[in-house]
Amino acid sequence: IRKTMESDHYPDMHISLPGNEINLSHCLDSIRQSLMCSSDVSLIVWKWDEEAEQSFPRGDVVHRCRDFDRIKEWALENQLDNNFNTSIHAVNSLPMPMLLY
């Protein structure tokens, strides 16, 4: 995404496909939602440095991470099988909210 957005700096990555802006916007919105839904609320602790006469953030703050192995295990156990057919309508499908960009 970064290379696509900064095409002047990465000329080989310039992608000019129809609808690319919508795809890029969708990717960024997915990242935004992920960050908002799994935000790290650990405190950022600042410490005064007498010599520099300035505060600096400490890098030794303990963060509480999610167990990615458990998440991956759950995803593998609950994934759709290879026989998923997109041409079959699910009668009781859940309504999907529309995203406005």
Protein backbone atom coordinates (compact mmCIF):
# COMPACT_ATOMS: atom_id res chain seq x y z
CA ILE A 1 0.00 0.00 0.00
CA ARG A 2 2.77 2.40 0.98
CA LYS A 3 4.67 1.81 -2.27
CA THR A 4 1.51 2.23 -4.34
CA MET A 5 0.68 5.52 -2.61
CA GLU A 6 4.24 6.85 -2.95
CA SER A 7 4.63 6.09 -6.65
CA ASP A 8 7.11 8.96 -7.14
CA HIS A 9 9.52 7.23 -4.76
CA TYR A 10 8.73 3.72 -6.10
CA PRO A 11 8.19 4.18 -9.86
CA ASP A 12 8.18 0.42 -10.51
CA MET A 13 5.22 0.03 -8.16
CA HIS A 14 2.90 2.47 -9.95
CA ILE A 15 -0.30 0.55 -10.57
CA SER A 16 -2.89 2.25 -12.73
CA LEU A 17 -5.72 -0.25 -12.80
CA PRO A 18 -9.34 0.84 -13.05
CA GLY A 19 -10.80 1.07 -9.56
CA ASN A 20 -7.38 0.95 -7.89
CA GLU A 21 -8.30 3.94 -5.70
CA ILE A 22 -11.31 2.04 -4.36
CA ASN A 23 -9.19 -1.05 -3.66
CA LEU A 24 -6.55 1.05 -1.93
CA SER A 25 -9.21 2.82 0.12
CA HIS A 26 -10.68 -0.55 1.09
CA CYS A 27 -7.24 -1.82 2.19
CA LEU A 28 -6.61 1.29 4.29
CA ASP A 29 -10.07 1.07 5.85
CA SER A 30 -9.45 -2.58 6.77
CA ILE A 31 -6.20 -1.60 8.49
CA ARG A 32 -7.97 1.30 10.25
CA GLN A 33 -10.69 -0.99 11.55
CA SER A 34 -8.14 -3.54 12.72
CA LEU A 35 -6.20 -0.88 14.64
CA MET A 36 -9.33 0.58 16.18
CA CYS A 37 -10.69 -2.82 17.24
CA SER A 38 -7.43 -4.15 18.69
CA SER A 39 -5.81 -0.99 19.97
CA ASP A 40 -2.93 -1.27 22.41
CA VAL A 41 -3.93 0.68 25.50
CA SER A 42 -0.60 0.22 27.27
CA LEU A 43 0.69 3.40 28.85
CA ILE A 44 3.52 5.25 27.21
CA VAL A 45 5.80 6.27 30.05
CA TRP A 46 7.99 9.33 29.68
CA LYS A 47 11.18 9.85 31.66
CA TRP A 48 13.00 13.12 32.22
CA ASP A 49 16.62 13.15 31.05
CA GLU A 50 18.57 15.62 33.21
CA GLU A 51 21.46 15.92 30.77
CA ALA A 52 19.29 16.58 27.70
CA GLU A 53 16.77 18.55 29.77
CA GLN A 54 14.02 16.79 27.89
CA SER A 55 11.52 13.97 28.37
CA PHE A 56 11.88 10.80 26.34
CA PRO A 57 9.51 7.86 25.96
CA ARG A 58 10.68 4.68 27.67
CA GLY A 59 10.95 1.65 25.43
CA ASP A 60 10.69 -0.92 28.20
CA VAL A 61 6.92 -0.70 28.75
CA VAL A 62 5.32 -4.14 28.90
CA HIS A 63 2.54 -4.64 26.35
CA ARG A 64 -0.19 -7.24 26.56
CA CYS A 65 -0.24 -9.04 23.24
CA ARG A 66 -2.90 -11.35 21.90
CA ASP A 67 -2.09 -15.02 21.50
CA PHE A 68 -1.66 -15.07 17.73
CA ASP A 69 -1.17 -18.85 17.69
CA ARG A 70 -4.61 -19.32 19.29
CA ILE A 71 -6.18 -16.88 16.84
CA LYS A 72 -4.57 -18.70 13.91
CA GLU A 73 -5.67 -22.07 15.30
CA TRP A 74 -9.27 -20.83 15.63
CA ALA A 75 -9.22 -19.42 12.10
CA LEU A 76 -7.96 -22.72 10.67
CA GLU A 77 -10.59 -24.71 12.58
CA ASN A 78 -13.40 -22.40 11.44
CA GLN A 79 -12.40 -21.65 7.86
CA LEU A 80 -14.66 -22.40 4.92
CA ASP A 81 -13.94 -25.64 3.13
CA ASN A 82 -12.69 -25.77 -0.44
CA ASN A 83 -16.20 -26.57 -1.68
CA PHE A 84 -17.48 -23.04 -1.03
CA ASN A 85 -19.53 -21.97 -4.04
CA THR A 86 -20.15 -18.24 -4.43
CA SER A 87 -22.93 -18.88 -6.94
CA ILE A 88 -25.17 -20.45 -4.27
CA HIS A 89 -27.32 -17.92 -2.41
CA ALA A 90 -27.42 -18.35 1.38
CA VAL A 91 -31.12 -17.96 2.19
CA ASN A 92 -30.58 -16.66 5.73
CA SER A 93 -27.50 -14.59 5.03
CA LEU A 94 -26.78 -11.78 7.47
CA PRO A 95 -27.25 -8.19 6.30
CA MET A 96 -23.99 -6.48 5.43
CA PRO A 97 -23.64 -2.79 6.40
CA MET A 98 -22.60 -0.51 3.56
CA LEU A 99 -19.29 1.27 3.98
CA LEU A 100 -19.10 4.80 2.67
CA TYR A 101 -15.67 5.96 1.57
